[in-house]
C-alpha cells in the first residue's frame, strides 16, 4: 500500500497539514513529477488511505485528507521517520557509496 518513494511522503504531509490541496502537496513533495503525484494519490485513494474531496467550484478546488485507515498507517510510520532522522548521516553515506559503485559499473 505504501510501496515506492512517494507514498510515505504524501501520507506524512497530509497527516501534518490536515486537508491538503494538490498545490501544497506538489510543493511539499519536492522532485516528484505531476504525473507521478497524481498516480500515487489515485492509488492511495483506491486503497482507502486518502480521501479526495472535490468542491465542484470554479476555479477547481480539490483537497486530500487521511481516512481512519490512512491515519493509523501514518501513526505507524512515525517510528520509521524518527529512525531516518536519527540515522540521516549514515544513510546519506550509504547512498553516496552505492552511487559511487554504480557509476563504476560494479
N, C-alpha and C. Protein backbone atom coordinates (compact mmCIF):
# COMPACT_ATOMS: atom_id res chain seq x y z
N UNK A 1 0.81 -1.20 0.00
CA UNK A 1 0.00 0.00 0.00
C UNK A 1 0.85 1.27 0.00
N UNK A 2 2.06 1.17 0.50
CA UNK A 2 2.92 2.36 0.53
C UNK A 2 4.24 2.09 -0.17
N UNK A 3 4.22 1.16 -1.12
CA UNK A 3 5.45 0.85 -1.85
C UNK A 3 5.91 2.07 -2.63
N UNK A 4 7.20 2.20 -2.72
CA UNK A 4 7.76 3.27 -3.51
C UNK A 4 8.25 4.44 -2.67
N UNK A 5 8.74 5.40 -3.38
CA UNK A 5 9.41 6.54 -2.79
C UNK A 5 8.45 7.62 -2.29
N UNK A 6 7.32 7.79 -2.97
CA UNK A 6 6.49 8.98 -2.75
C UNK A 6 5.35 8.79 -1.77
N UNK A 7 4.77 7.61 -1.71
CA UNK A 7 3.57 7.42 -0.87
C UNK A 7 3.81 7.73 0.61
N UNK A 8 4.90 7.27 1.21
CA UNK A 8 5.12 7.65 2.61
C UNK A 8 5.22 9.16 2.80
N UNK A 9 5.85 9.84 1.86
CA UNK A 9 5.97 11.30 1.96
C UNK A 9 4.61 11.97 1.82
N UNK A 10 3.81 11.48 0.89
CA UNK A 10 2.47 12.04 0.72
C UNK A 10 1.67 11.87 1.99
N UNK A 11 1.69 10.67 2.55
CA UNK A 11 0.96 10.41 3.81
C UNK A 11 1.47 11.32 4.92
N UNK A 12 2.77 11.49 4.99
CA UNK A 12 3.36 12.34 6.02
C UNK A 12 2.82 13.77 5.92
N UNK A 13 2.87 14.34 4.72
CA UNK A 13 2.45 15.73 4.57
C UNK A 13 0.95 15.92 4.75
N UNK A 14 0.16 14.97 4.30
CA UNK A 14 -1.29 15.08 4.52
C UNK A 14 -1.60 14.93 6.00
N UNK A 15 -0.87 14.07 6.69
CA UNK A 15 -1.08 13.89 8.14
C UNK A 15 -0.70 15.15 8.91
N UNK A 16 0.35 15.84 8.47
CA UNK A 16 0.81 17.04 9.17
C UNK A 16 -0.15 18.21 9.01
N UNK A 17 -0.66 18.37 7.80
CA UNK A 17 -1.39 19.58 7.47
C UNK A 17 -2.90 19.42 7.45
N UNK A 18 -3.41 18.22 7.70
CA UNK A 18 -4.85 18.02 7.59
C UNK A 18 -5.25 18.07 6.13
N UNK A 19 -6.48 18.46 5.83
CA UNK A 19 -6.86 18.53 4.42
C UNK A 19 -5.86 19.39 3.64
N UNK A 20 -5.32 18.81 2.58
CA UNK A 20 -4.23 19.43 1.86
C UNK A 20 -4.58 19.56 0.39
N UNK A 21 -4.40 20.72 -0.15
CA UNK A 21 -4.67 20.94 -1.57
C UNK A 21 -3.52 20.38 -2.41
N UNK A 22 -3.83 20.09 -3.66
CA UNK A 22 -2.85 19.49 -4.56
C UNK A 22 -1.59 20.35 -4.65
N UNK A 23 -1.74 21.64 -4.83
CA UNK A 23 -0.59 22.53 -4.96
C UNK A 23 0.32 22.49 -3.74
N UNK A 24 -0.29 22.39 -2.54
CA UNK A 24 0.51 22.28 -1.31
C UNK A 24 1.35 21.00 -1.34
N UNK A 25 0.70 19.90 -1.75
CA UNK A 25 1.43 18.63 -1.82
C UNK A 25 2.55 18.70 -2.85
N UNK A 26 2.27 19.31 -3.98
CA UNK A 26 3.27 19.42 -5.05
C UNK A 26 4.51 20.16 -4.55
N UNK A 27 4.30 21.21 -3.76
CA UNK A 27 5.44 21.96 -3.22
C UNK A 27 6.14 21.19 -2.10
N UNK A 28 5.38 20.46 -1.30
CA UNK A 28 5.95 19.74 -0.15
C UNK A 28 6.76 18.51 -0.59
N UNK A 29 6.22 17.77 -1.55
CA UNK A 29 6.89 16.56 -2.03
C UNK A 29 7.78 16.97 -3.20
N UNK A 30 8.91 17.52 -2.89
CA UNK A 30 9.82 18.05 -3.90
C UNK A 30 10.33 16.95 -4.82
N UNK A 31 10.60 17.31 -6.05
CA UNK A 31 11.19 16.44 -7.07
C UNK A 31 10.23 15.41 -7.66
N UNK A 32 8.98 15.37 -7.21
CA UNK A 32 8.02 14.44 -7.80
C UNK A 32 7.38 15.13 -9.01
N UNK A 33 7.17 14.36 -10.08
CA UNK A 33 6.52 14.92 -11.26
C UNK A 33 5.01 14.98 -11.01
N UNK A 34 4.33 15.84 -11.75
CA UNK A 34 2.86 15.91 -11.63
C UNK A 34 2.23 14.56 -11.92
N UNK A 35 2.69 13.92 -12.98
CA UNK A 35 2.14 12.61 -13.36
C UNK A 35 2.27 11.61 -12.22
N UNK A 36 3.44 11.54 -11.61
CA UNK A 36 3.68 10.58 -10.53
C UNK A 36 2.85 10.93 -9.30
N UNK A 37 2.77 12.20 -8.95
CA UNK A 37 2.00 12.60 -7.78
C UNK A 37 0.53 12.26 -7.96
N UNK A 38 -0.01 12.56 -9.14
CA UNK A 38 -1.42 12.22 -9.41
C UNK A 38 -1.64 10.72 -9.34
N UNK A 39 -0.73 9.95 -9.93
CA UNK A 39 -0.85 8.49 -9.90
C UNK A 39 -0.82 7.96 -8.46
N UNK A 40 0.12 8.46 -7.67
CA UNK A 40 0.25 8.00 -6.30
C UNK A 40 -0.98 8.37 -5.47
N UNK A 41 -1.51 9.57 -5.68
CA UNK A 41 -2.72 9.99 -4.96
C UNK A 41 -3.91 9.11 -5.34
N UNK A 42 -4.03 8.77 -6.62
CA UNK A 42 -5.13 7.90 -7.06
C UNK A 42 -5.01 6.51 -6.43
N UNK A 43 -3.78 5.99 -6.34
CA UNK A 43 -3.58 4.68 -5.72
C UNK A 43 -3.88 4.72 -4.23
N UNK A 44 -3.44 5.77 -3.55
CA UNK A 44 -3.73 5.90 -2.12
C UNK A 44 -5.24 6.02 -1.88
N UNK A 45 -5.93 6.72 -2.78
CA UNK A 45 -7.38 6.83 -2.66
C UNK A 45 -8.05 5.49 -2.92
N UNK A 46 -7.61 4.78 -3.95
CA UNK A 46 -8.18 3.46 -4.27
C UNK A 46 -7.96 2.46 -3.14
N UNK A 47 -6.85 2.59 -2.42
CA UNK A 47 -6.54 1.69 -1.31
C UNK A 47 -7.22 2.10 -0.01
N UNK A 48 -7.95 3.21 -0.03
CA UNK A 48 -8.70 3.63 1.15
C UNK A 48 -7.87 4.35 2.20
N UNK A 49 -6.72 4.88 1.80
CA UNK A 49 -5.85 5.59 2.75
C UNK A 49 -6.06 7.10 2.71
N UNK A 50 -6.46 7.60 1.56
CA UNK A 50 -6.64 9.03 1.35
C UNK A 50 -8.03 9.28 0.80
N UNK A 51 -8.65 10.35 1.26
CA UNK A 51 -9.96 10.76 0.76
C UNK A 51 -9.78 12.02 -0.07
N UNK A 52 -10.32 12.01 -1.28
CA UNK A 52 -10.26 13.17 -2.18
C UNK A 52 -11.60 13.88 -2.13
N UNK A 53 -11.57 15.16 -1.84
CA UNK A 53 -12.80 15.96 -1.79
C UNK A 53 -12.75 16.99 -2.90
N UNK A 54 -13.70 16.88 -3.83
CA UNK A 54 -13.83 17.83 -4.94
C UNK A 54 -14.99 18.76 -4.60
N UNK A 55 -14.71 20.04 -4.48
CA UNK A 55 -15.72 21.01 -4.06
C UNK A 55 -16.57 21.52 -5.22
N UNK A 56 -16.31 21.04 -6.44
CA UNK A 56 -17.11 21.40 -7.62
C UNK A 56 -17.24 22.91 -7.77
N UNK A 57 -16.11 23.61 -7.63
CA UNK A 57 -16.10 25.06 -7.74
C UNK A 57 -15.29 25.49 -8.96
N UNK A 58 -15.49 26.73 -9.35
CA UNK A 58 -14.69 27.35 -10.38
C UNK A 58 -13.96 28.52 -9.72
N UNK A 59 -12.65 28.61 -9.71
CA UNK A 59 -11.73 27.61 -10.22
C UNK A 59 -11.78 26.33 -9.39
N UNK A 60 -11.33 25.21 -9.99
CA UNK A 60 -11.41 23.92 -9.29
C UNK A 60 -10.70 23.94 -7.94
N UNK A 61 -11.34 23.32 -6.96
CA UNK A 61 -10.74 23.19 -5.63
C UNK A 61 -10.91 21.74 -5.18
N UNK A 62 -9.79 21.08 -4.94
CA UNK A 62 -9.77 19.68 -4.50
C UNK A 62 -8.80 19.60 -3.34
N UNK A 63 -9.15 18.84 -2.31
CA UNK A 63 -8.16 18.59 -1.26
C UNK A 63 -8.16 17.12 -0.89
N UNK A 64 -7.11 16.76 -0.18
CA UNK A 64 -6.87 15.38 0.22
C UNK A 64 -6.72 15.32 1.73
N UNK A 65 -7.33 14.30 2.33
CA UNK A 65 -7.20 14.09 3.77
C UNK A 65 -7.04 12.58 4.01
N UNK A 66 -6.60 12.24 5.20
CA UNK A 66 -6.43 10.83 5.53
C UNK A 66 -7.75 10.23 6.00
N UNK A 67 -7.99 9.00 5.60
CA UNK A 67 -9.10 8.23 6.14
C UNK A 67 -8.65 7.70 7.50
N UNK A 68 -9.54 7.12 8.28
CA UNK A 68 -9.08 6.50 9.54
C UNK A 68 -7.99 5.45 9.31
N UNK A 69 -8.11 4.67 8.24
CA UNK A 69 -7.07 3.68 7.93
C UNK A 69 -5.75 4.38 7.60
N UNK A 70 -5.82 5.44 6.83
CA UNK A 70 -4.63 6.20 6.48
C UNK A 70 -3.98 6.85 7.69
N UNK A 71 -4.82 7.34 8.60
CA UNK A 71 -4.31 7.96 9.83
C UNK A 71 -3.56 6.93 10.67
N UNK A 72 -4.13 5.72 10.78
CA UNK A 72 -3.46 4.70 11.59
C UNK A 72 -2.14 4.27 10.95
N UNK A 73 -2.10 4.23 9.62
CA UNK A 73 -0.84 3.90 8.93
C UNK A 73 0.19 5.01 9.14
N UNK A 74 -0.25 6.26 9.04
CA UNK A 74 0.67 7.39 9.25
C UNK A 74 1.26 7.33 10.65
N UNK A 75 0.45 6.99 11.64
CA UNK A 75 0.95 6.87 13.02
C UNK A 75 1.96 5.74 13.14
N UNK A 76 1.74 4.65 12.39
CA UNK A 76 2.67 3.53 12.43
C UNK A 76 4.00 3.88 11.78
N UNK A 77 4.01 4.86 10.88
CA UNK A 77 5.24 5.27 10.20
C UNK A 77 6.10 6.22 11.01
N UNK A 78 5.55 6.80 12.08
CA UNK A 78 6.29 7.77 12.90
C UNK A 78 7.62 7.19 13.40
N UNK A 79 7.66 5.98 13.95
CA UNK A 79 8.96 5.44 14.40
C UNK A 79 9.96 5.29 13.25
N UNK A 80 9.49 4.93 12.07
CA UNK A 80 10.37 4.81 10.92
C UNK A 80 10.94 6.17 10.54
N UNK A 81 10.11 7.20 10.57
CA UNK A 81 10.58 8.56 10.29
C UNK A 81 11.61 9.00 11.32
N UNK A 82 11.37 8.67 12.58
CA UNK A 82 12.32 9.01 13.64
C UNK A 82 13.65 8.32 13.40
N UNK A 83 13.60 7.04 13.02
CA UNK A 83 14.83 6.30 12.73
C UNK A 83 15.59 6.98 11.60
N UNK A 84 14.88 7.36 10.54
CA UNK A 84 15.53 8.02 9.41
C UNK A 84 16.19 9.32 9.81
N UNK A 85 15.52 10.09 10.63
CA UNK A 85 16.08 11.36 11.10
C UNK A 85 17.33 11.13 11.94
N UNK A 86 17.26 10.16 12.84
CA UNK A 86 18.38 9.88 13.74
C UNK A 86 19.59 9.32 12.99
N UNK A 87 19.36 8.66 11.86
CA UNK A 87 20.44 8.00 11.13
C UNK A 87 20.72 8.63 9.77
N UNK A 88 20.32 9.88 9.61
CA UNK A 88 20.45 10.56 8.31
C UNK A 88 21.89 10.57 7.80
N UNK A 89 22.85 10.82 8.65
CA UNK A 89 24.25 10.88 8.21
C UNK A 89 24.70 9.53 7.64
N UNK A 90 24.38 8.47 8.33
CA UNK A 90 24.79 7.13 7.88
C UNK A 90 24.05 6.74 6.60
N UNK A 91 22.77 7.04 6.52
CA UNK A 91 22.00 6.72 5.33
C UNK A 91 22.56 7.49 4.13
N UNK A 92 22.90 8.75 4.32
CA UNK A 92 23.49 9.57 3.26
C UNK A 92 24.82 8.98 2.81
N UNK A 93 25.61 8.53 3.76
CA UNK A 93 26.90 7.92 3.43
C UNK A 93 26.71 6.65 2.61
N UNK A 94 25.76 5.81 3.00
CA UNK A 94 25.50 4.55 2.28
C UNK A 94 25.02 4.84 0.86
N UNK A 95 24.12 5.81 0.69
CA UNK A 95 23.63 6.16 -0.64
C UNK A 95 24.75 6.71 -1.51
N UNK A 96 25.65 7.52 -0.94
CA UNK A 96 26.77 8.06 -1.70
C UNK A 96 27.70 6.93 -2.14
N UNK A 97 27.96 5.99 -1.25
CA UNK A 97 28.81 4.84 -1.59
C UNK A 97 28.16 4.01 -2.69
N UNK A 98 26.88 3.77 -2.58
CA UNK A 98 26.15 3.00 -3.58
C UNK A 98 26.21 3.72 -4.92
N UNK A 99 26.02 5.03 -4.91
CA UNK A 99 26.09 5.80 -6.15
C UNK A 99 27.45 5.72 -6.80
N UNK A 100 28.49 5.78 -5.98
CA UNK A 100 29.86 5.69 -6.50
C UNK A 100 30.11 4.32 -7.11
N UNK A 101 29.64 3.27 -6.47
CA UNK A 101 29.80 1.92 -7.01
C UNK A 101 29.03 1.74 -8.30
N UNK A 102 27.83 2.27 -8.36
CA UNK A 102 27.01 2.15 -9.57
C UNK A 102 27.65 2.90 -10.74
N UNK A 103 28.26 4.06 -10.47
CA UNK A 103 28.88 4.83 -11.54
C UNK A 103 30.13 4.13 -12.10
N UNK A 104 30.72 3.24 -11.30
CA UNK A 104 31.89 2.47 -11.76
C UNK A 104 31.47 1.17 -12.41
N UNK A 105 30.15 0.90 -12.41
CA UNK A 105 29.67 -0.32 -13.05
C UNK A 105 29.82 -1.57 -12.20
N UNK A 106 29.96 -1.40 -10.90
CA UNK A 106 30.10 -2.57 -10.02
C UNK A 106 28.77 -3.04 -9.51
